[in-house]
Amino acid sequence: MPRLLLLEDDRSLIDGLTYSLEKNGFETEIAGTVKEAEKRVTEDTGFDLLLFDVMLPDGNGIALCEKLRSLGIRTPIIFLTASDEETSVIRGLDCGGDDYITKPFKLGELCSRIRALLRRLDRGNAGDNLLRSGELVVSLAEGKVFSAGKPLELTGSEYRLLCLLLQNSGRVLPRDLILNRLWDGCGNFVDDNTLSVYIRRLREKLEKDPSRPEHLKTVRGLGYRWEE
């Protein structure tokens, strides 16, 4: 049973989340303050995933995430955020967060996000240097992409974009985050219009019907999401 730590101070939300998470097979422990959560995580390495509220009485979950990552703690983190906090969460993703979900959210969606993140973690620990989604396979060691066993020709930027999407499958990636990651110190600036071109080209190469994509989805007003 995966073991989770929930950092949240809203008692009504805690009760509902705990019930739903445990019903879906997750062992859930609670921390009501940033200080308590930091102590629990640094002293106990047995948590499989962390759920952090953003605003707490004694601080915020984003700053705690940043501190944990600086200490070398790589446990995956999902932020629980109010809609007006989404911009600040981009900083949280940049400093090492793995996903976020906006309140109010459906408990079924949260459980699906948790399972998807844990699956990605398992694949990453498999050591085969492969990213997979259906018939699509990316060999990280070779820098090659295959669809149904046939090689696909991608530019360097298209390849990096595809890897970023697959590594975050099921998660909405804001356009600003993608732009920052595609630049990523490589010396090649990518602007907003160029990103739209890369998205269109990837759809033309990967989707059966690029005008109605099944995998590379646009999330209006937010960014893009890869669906397996």
Protein backbone atom coordinates (compact mmCIF):
# COMPACT_ATOMS: atom_id res chain seq x y z
CA MET A 1 0.00 0.00 0.00
CA PRO A 2 1.59 3.34 -1.07
CA ARG A 3 2.24 5.61 1.90
CA LEU A 4 1.38 9.32 1.55
CA LEU A 5 1.92 12.41 3.70
CA LEU A 6 -0.78 15.09 3.42
CA LEU A 7 0.23 18.62 4.46
CA GLU A 8 -3.08 20.41 5.02
CA ASP A 9 -4.66 22.51 7.80
CA ASP A 10 -8.31 22.45 6.68
CA ARG A 11 -9.93 19.81 8.91
CA SER A 12 -13.01 19.35 6.71
CA LEU A 13 -10.81 18.75 3.67
CA ILE A 14 -8.50 16.45 5.63
CA ASP A 15 -11.38 14.17 6.68
CA GLY A 16 -12.74 13.81 3.15
CA LEU A 17 -9.31 13.33 1.56
CA THR A 18 -8.18 10.78 4.11
CA TYR A 19 -11.33 8.71 3.67
CA SER A 20 -11.14 8.79 -0.12
CA LEU A 21 -7.39 8.09 -0.32
CA GLU A 22 -7.56 5.13 2.05
CA LYS A 23 -10.60 3.77 0.19
CA ASN A 24 -8.45 3.88 -2.97
CA GLY A 25 -5.61 1.95 -1.37
CA PHE A 26 -3.33 4.72 -0.07
CA GLU A 27 -2.09 4.80 3.52
CA THR A 28 -2.36 8.48 4.50
CA GLU A 29 -0.67 10.39 7.33
CA ILE A 30 -1.36 14.02 8.20
CA ALA A 31 0.80 17.07 8.98
CA GLY A 32 -0.96 20.32 9.87
CA THR A 33 2.03 22.69 9.60
CA VAL A 34 5.09 23.16 7.41
CA LYS A 35 7.34 22.58 10.41
CA GLU A 36 5.68 19.26 11.23
CA ALA A 37 5.79 18.10 7.61
CA GLU A 38 9.48 18.98 7.27
CA LYS A 39 10.29 17.02 10.44
CA ARG A 40 8.28 13.99 9.29
CA VAL A 41 9.80 13.86 5.81
CA THR A 42 13.42 14.43 6.88
CA GLU A 43 13.21 11.83 9.64
CA ASP A 44 11.15 9.22 7.77
CA THR A 45 12.23 8.14 4.27
CA GLY A 46 9.32 5.72 3.86
CA PHE A 47 6.81 8.04 2.17
CA ASP A 48 6.01 7.21 -1.46
CA LEU A 49 4.41 10.59 -2.27
CA LEU A 50 3.76 13.98 -0.65
CA LEU A 51 0.60 16.08 -1.01
CA PHE A 52 1.33 19.71 -0.07
CA ASP A 53 -1.18 22.51 0.38
CA VAL A 54 0.37 25.76 -0.83
CA MET A 55 -0.69 28.20 1.91
CA LEU A 56 -0.23 27.09 5.53
CA PRO A 57 -0.33 29.04 8.83
CA ASP A 58 3.46 28.88 9.24
CA GLY A 59 4.62 29.05 5.62
CA ASN A 60 3.89 27.44 2.26
CA GLY A 61 4.33 24.09 0.57
CA ILE A 62 6.36 25.50 -2.31
CA ALA A 63 9.14 26.77 -0.02
CA LEU A 64 9.11 23.41 1.78
CA CYS A 65 9.44 21.58 -1.54
CA GLU A 66 12.43 23.75 -2.44
CA LYS A 67 14.09 23.01 0.91
CA LEU A 68 13.52 19.26 0.65
CA ARG A 69 15.00 19.16 -2.85
CA SER A 70 18.05 21.10 -1.61
CA LEU A 71 18.50 18.35 0.99
CA GLY A 72 18.45 15.69 -1.74
CA ILE A 73 14.99 14.33 -0.88
CA ARG A 74 13.41 13.24 -4.19
CA THR A 75 10.00 11.96 -2.97
CA PRO A 76 7.40 13.06 -5.57
CA ILE A 77 5.27 16.07 -4.57
CA ILE A 78 1.79 17.13 -5.74
CA PHE A 79 0.62 20.63 -4.79
CA LEU A 80 -3.00 21.29 -3.75
CA THR A 81 -3.62 24.87 -4.86
CA ALA A 82 -6.38 27.45 -5.06
CA SER A 83 -7.03 28.78 -8.56
CA ASP A 84 -5.48 32.17 -7.79
CA GLU A 85 -2.25 30.48 -6.71
CA GLU A 86 -1.56 28.68 -10.01
CA THR A 87 1.03 31.21 -11.19
CA SER A 88 3.12 30.75 -8.06
CA VAL A 89 2.93 26.97 -8.47
CA ILE A 90 5.00 27.26 -11.65
CA ARG A 91 7.89 28.22 -9.37
CA GLY A 92 7.12 25.16 -7.30
CA LEU A 93 7.34 22.93 -10.38
CA ASP A 94 10.61 24.58 -11.37
CA CYS A 95 12.11 23.96 -7.94
CA GLY A 96 11.26 20.26 -7.98
CA GLY A 97 7.50 19.75 -7.61
CA ASP A 98 5.97 17.05 -9.80
CA ASP A 99 2.33 18.06 -10.32
CA TYR A 100 -0.47 20.27 -9.02
CA ILE A 101 -4.23 20.05 -8.82
CA THR A 102 -6.55 23.03 -8.35
CA LYS A 103 -9.20 23.25 -5.63
CA PRO A 104 -11.99 22.36 -5.74
CA PHE A 105 -11.01 19.07 -7.35
CA LYS A 106 -12.67 15.71 -7.82
CA LEU A 107 -11.23 13.08 -5.50
CA GLY A 108 -11.22 10.55 -8.33
CA GLU A 109 -9.01 12.85 -10.41
CA LEU A 110 -6.58 13.29 -7.50
CA CYS A 111 -6.28 9.51 -7.04
CA SER A 112 -5.68 9.10 -10.78
CA ARG A 113 -2.94 11.76 -10.68
CA ILE A 114 -1.28 9.98 -7.74
CA ARG A 115 -1.35 6.61 -9.48
CA ALA A 116 0.01 8.10 -12.72
CA LEU A 117 2.88 9.78 -10.88
CA LEU A 118 3.77 6.60 -9.00
CA ARG A 119 3.73 4.65 -12.30
CA ARG A 120 6.12 7.18 -13.86
CA LEU A 121 8.38 6.80 -10.84
CA ASP A 122 8.38 3.02 -11.23
CA ARG A 123 9.27 3.33 -14.91
CA GLY A 124 12.06 5.75 -14.10
CA ASN A 125 13.52 3.30 -11.61
CA ALA A 126 13.42 0.44 -14.09
CA GLY A 127 16.78 1.46 -15.49
CA ASP A 128 15.97 0.65 -19.13
CA ASN A 129 16.35 4.28 -20.34
CA LEU A 130 13.11 4.01 -22.29
CA LEU A 131 9.99 6.17 -22.33
CA ARG A 132 6.85 4.39 -23.54
CA SER A 133 3.33 5.39 -24.45
CA GLY A 134 1.35 2.79 -26.39
CA GLU A 135 3.24 2.05 -29.61
CA LEU A 136 5.53 5.05 -29.06
CA VAL A 137 8.99 4.33 -27.60
CA VAL A 138 11.80 6.80 -26.90
CA SER A 139 15.30 5.39 -26.37
CA LEU A 140 17.02 7.96 -24.16
CA ALA A 141 20.38 6.22 -24.53
CA GLU A 142 20.27 6.45 -28.32
CA GLY A 143 18.24 9.65 -28.65
CA LYS A 144 15.86 7.88 -31.04
CA VAL A 145 12.06 7.68 -31.28
CA PHE A 146 10.09 4.73 -32.64
CA SER A 147 6.39 4.34 -33.44
CA ALA A 148 5.14 0.77 -33.91
CA GLY A 149 8.79 -0.23 -34.31
CA LYS A 150 9.50 2.29 -37.08
CA PRO A 151 11.94 5.19 -36.49
CA LEU A 152 10.57 8.74 -36.45
CA GLU A 153 12.60 11.71 -37.63
CA LEU A 154 12.43 14.54 -35.08
CA THR A 155 14.46 17.71 -34.73
CA GLY A 156 16.41 18.23 -31.50
CA SER A 157 13.80 20.61 -30.11
CA GLU A 158 10.92 18.31 -31.08
CA TYR A 159 12.72 15.43 -29.37
CA ARG A 160 13.25 17.41 -26.13
CA LEU A 161 9.61 18.53 -26.16
CA LEU A 162 8.36 14.96 -26.64
CA CYS A 163 10.57 13.67 -23.81
CA LEU A 164 9.31 16.42 -21.51
CA LEU A 165 5.69 15.54 -22.30
CA LEU A 166 6.18 11.78 -21.84
CA GLN A 167 8.09 12.23 -18.58
CA ASN A 168 5.11 14.22 -17.29
CA SER A 169 2.37 12.11 -18.84
CA GLY A 170 -1.08 13.01 -17.49
CA ARG A 171 0.09 16.34 -16.07
CA VAL A 172 -0.71 19.78 -17.47
CA LEU A 173 2.50 21.59 -18.41
CA PRO A 174 2.09 25.40 -18.56
CA ARG A 175 3.49 27.03 -21.69
CA ASP A 176 5.96 29.11 -19.64
CA LEU A 177 7.34 25.98 -18.01
CA ILE A 178 7.78 24.25 -21.38
CA LEU A 179 9.53 27.29 -22.84
CA ASN A 180 11.95 27.41 -19.91
CA ARG A 181 12.68 23.69 -20.12
CA LEU A 182 13.18 23.72 -23.90
CA TRP A 183 15.69 26.53 -23.63
CA ASP A 184 17.25 24.85 -20.58
CA GLY A 185 20.76 26.24 -21.05
CA CYS A 186 21.15 24.84 -24.55
CA GLY A 187 21.58 28.32 -26.05
CA ASN A 188 18.56 27.98 -28.32
CA PHE A 189 15.85 30.49 -27.40
CA VAL A 190 12.30 29.26 -27.97
CA ASP A 191 9.50 31.84 -28.08
CA ASP A 192 5.76 31.33 -27.74
CA ASN A 193 5.08 31.19 -31.49
CA THR A 194 7.88 28.69 -32.03
CA LEU A 195 6.41 26.42 -29.35
CA SER A 196 3.09 26.40 -31.22
CA VAL A 197 4.96 25.29 -34.35
CA TYR A 198 6.69 22.46 -32.46
CA ILE A 199 3.35 21.30 -31.05
CA ARG A 200 1.79 21.28 -34.52
CA ARG A 201 4.74 19.37 -36.02
CA LEU A 202 4.70 16.77 -33.26
CA ARG A 203 1.00 16.20 -33.82
CA GLU A 204 1.58 15.78 -37.54
CA LYS A 205 4.24 13.13 -36.85
CA LEU A 206 2.57 11.32 -33.92
CA GLU A 207 -1.20 11.64 -34.19
CA LYS A 208 -3.47 9.68 -36.52
CA ASP A 209 -5.58 12.83 -36.97
CA PRO A 210 -3.53 15.92 -36.03
CA SER A 211 -6.66 18.10 -36.07
CA ARG A 212 -8.19 15.87 -33.36
CA PRO A 213 -5.23 14.76 -31.24
CA GLU A 214 -5.69 11.78 -28.93
CA HIS A 215 -2.42 12.22 -27.02
CA LEU A 216 -0.96 15.73 -27.27
CA LYS A 217 -3.87 17.69 -25.81
CA THR A 218 -4.27 21.45 -25.47
CA VAL A 219 -5.62 22.52 -22.08
CA ARG A 220 -7.15 25.88 -22.89
CA GLY A 221 -5.69 28.74 -20.90
CA LEU A 222 -3.10 26.51 -19.19
CA GLY A 223 -0.82 24.58 -21.54
CA TYR A 224 -0.48 21.02 -22.84
CA ARG A 225 -0.91 17.49 -21.50
CA TRP A 226 0.18 14.10 -22.88
CA GLU A 227 -2.49 11.41 -22.48
CA GLU A 228 -1.52 7.77 -22.75
